[in-house]
């Protein structure tokens, strides 16, 4: 029995020896793709597509649908970028 001195014991309990889950390639792509959206708090600086998708401007249902279509290869990265930018811009203007 190993004694752990980290404060993450509660989080990692039952996962001894397991590596933390690897990030999916599509997820990494969304997190590293920066977008320039001239709306609300995003105006004037680039923000990751992932952050935009999880912003208050994208309803949960839309987010799920976009992520599913992107993962399935039915939407390209450019299409996701366009749709998300449009939704955020319109929602921020409303």
Protein backbone atom coordinates (compact mmCIF):
# COMPACT_ATOMS: atom_id res chain seq x y z
CA UNK A 1 0.00 0.00 0.00
CA UNK A 2 1.45 3.31 -1.09
CA UNK A 3 0.87 6.43 0.95
CA UNK A 4 0.02 9.43 -1.17
CA UNK A 5 0.74 12.92 0.02
CA UNK A 6 -1.04 14.66 -2.82
CA UNK A 7 -4.36 16.38 -2.28
CA UNK A 8 -5.75 14.73 -5.42
CA UNK A 9 -6.41 11.41 -3.67
CA UNK A 10 -10.18 11.83 -3.78
CA UNK A 11 -10.09 12.52 -7.51
CA UNK A 12 -7.78 9.66 -8.44
CA UNK A 13 -9.16 7.06 -6.03
CA UNK A 14 -9.86 3.82 -7.84
CA UNK A 15 -7.68 4.78 -10.79
CA UNK A 16 -4.28 3.72 -9.44
CA UNK A 17 -1.95 2.88 -12.28
CA UNK A 18 -4.22 4.44 -14.90
CA UNK A 19 -2.98 7.31 -17.01
CA UNK A 20 -5.19 10.39 -17.15
CA UNK A 21 -7.53 10.23 -20.13
CA UNK A 22 -5.90 11.39 -23.35
CA UNK A 23 -7.46 14.35 -25.09
CA UNK A 24 -9.15 13.49 -28.37
CA UNK A 25 -7.43 14.94 -31.47
CA UNK A 26 -10.61 16.81 -32.49
CA UNK A 27 -10.76 18.33 -29.01
CA UNK A 28 -7.13 19.48 -29.22
CA UNK A 29 -7.85 21.02 -32.62
CA UNK A 30 -10.78 23.01 -31.24
CA UNK A 31 -8.70 24.17 -28.26
CA UNK A 32 -5.78 25.30 -30.42
CA UNK A 33 -7.76 26.93 -33.25
CA UNK A 34 -7.92 30.63 -32.49
CA UNK A 35 -10.77 32.75 -33.80
CA UNK A 36 -11.19 36.50 -34.04
CA UNK A 37 -14.78 37.39 -33.08
CA UNK A 38 -15.71 41.05 -32.95
CA UNK A 39 -18.41 40.61 -30.32
CA UNK A 40 -18.88 41.21 -26.61
CA UNK A 41 -15.96 40.30 -24.36
CA UNK A 42 -14.12 38.60 -27.24
CA UNK A 43 -13.69 41.83 -29.21
CA UNK A 44 -10.09 42.74 -29.91
CA UNK A 45 -8.42 39.45 -29.06
CA UNK A 46 -8.33 35.91 -30.37
CA UNK A 47 -10.15 33.18 -28.49
CA UNK A 48 -10.08 29.42 -28.97
CA UNK A 49 -12.93 27.78 -30.82
CA UNK A 50 -13.35 25.52 -27.78
CA UNK A 51 -13.83 28.53 -25.47
CA UNK A 52 -16.34 30.05 -27.88
CA UNK A 53 -18.27 26.78 -28.07
CA UNK A 54 -18.45 26.70 -24.28
CA UNK A 55 -19.30 30.37 -23.88
CA UNK A 56 -22.67 31.55 -22.62
CA UNK A 57 -23.62 32.50 -26.19
CA UNK A 58 -23.84 28.93 -27.46
CA UNK A 59 -26.87 27.02 -26.13
CA UNK A 60 -26.08 23.51 -24.82
CA UNK A 61 -28.18 21.86 -27.55
CA UNK A 62 -26.34 23.73 -30.33
CA UNK A 63 -22.97 22.92 -28.78
CA UNK A 64 -23.76 19.19 -28.61
CA UNK A 65 -25.02 19.16 -32.19
CA UNK A 66 -21.99 21.02 -33.53
CA UNK A 67 -19.56 18.77 -31.66
CA UNK A 68 -21.34 15.62 -32.89
CA UNK A 69 -21.33 16.80 -36.51
CA UNK A 70 -17.68 17.84 -36.30
CA UNK A 71 -16.63 14.54 -34.70
CA UNK A 72 -18.55 12.61 -37.34
CA UNK A 73 -16.73 14.51 -40.07
CA UNK A 74 -19.93 16.09 -41.37
CA UNK A 75 -18.66 19.60 -40.59
CA UNK A 76 -15.19 20.89 -41.39
CA UNK A 77 -13.21 22.99 -38.94
CA UNK A 78 -13.90 26.05 -41.12
CA UNK A 79 -17.64 25.36 -41.04
CA UNK A 80 -17.62 25.02 -37.26
CA UNK A 81 -15.64 28.25 -37.02
CA UNK A 82 -18.15 30.09 -39.23
CA UNK A 83 -21.22 28.76 -37.42
CA UNK A 84 -19.85 29.44 -33.94
CA UNK A 85 -18.64 32.94 -34.86
CA UNK A 86 -22.02 33.76 -36.35
CA UNK A 87 -23.97 32.49 -33.33
CA UNK A 88 -21.75 34.38 -30.88
CA UNK A 89 -21.88 37.59 -32.92
CA UNK A 90 -25.69 37.47 -33.24
CA UNK A 91 -26.25 36.50 -29.59
CA UNK A 92 -23.94 39.25 -28.33
CA UNK A 93 -25.74 41.81 -30.49
CA UNK A 94 -29.17 40.79 -29.26
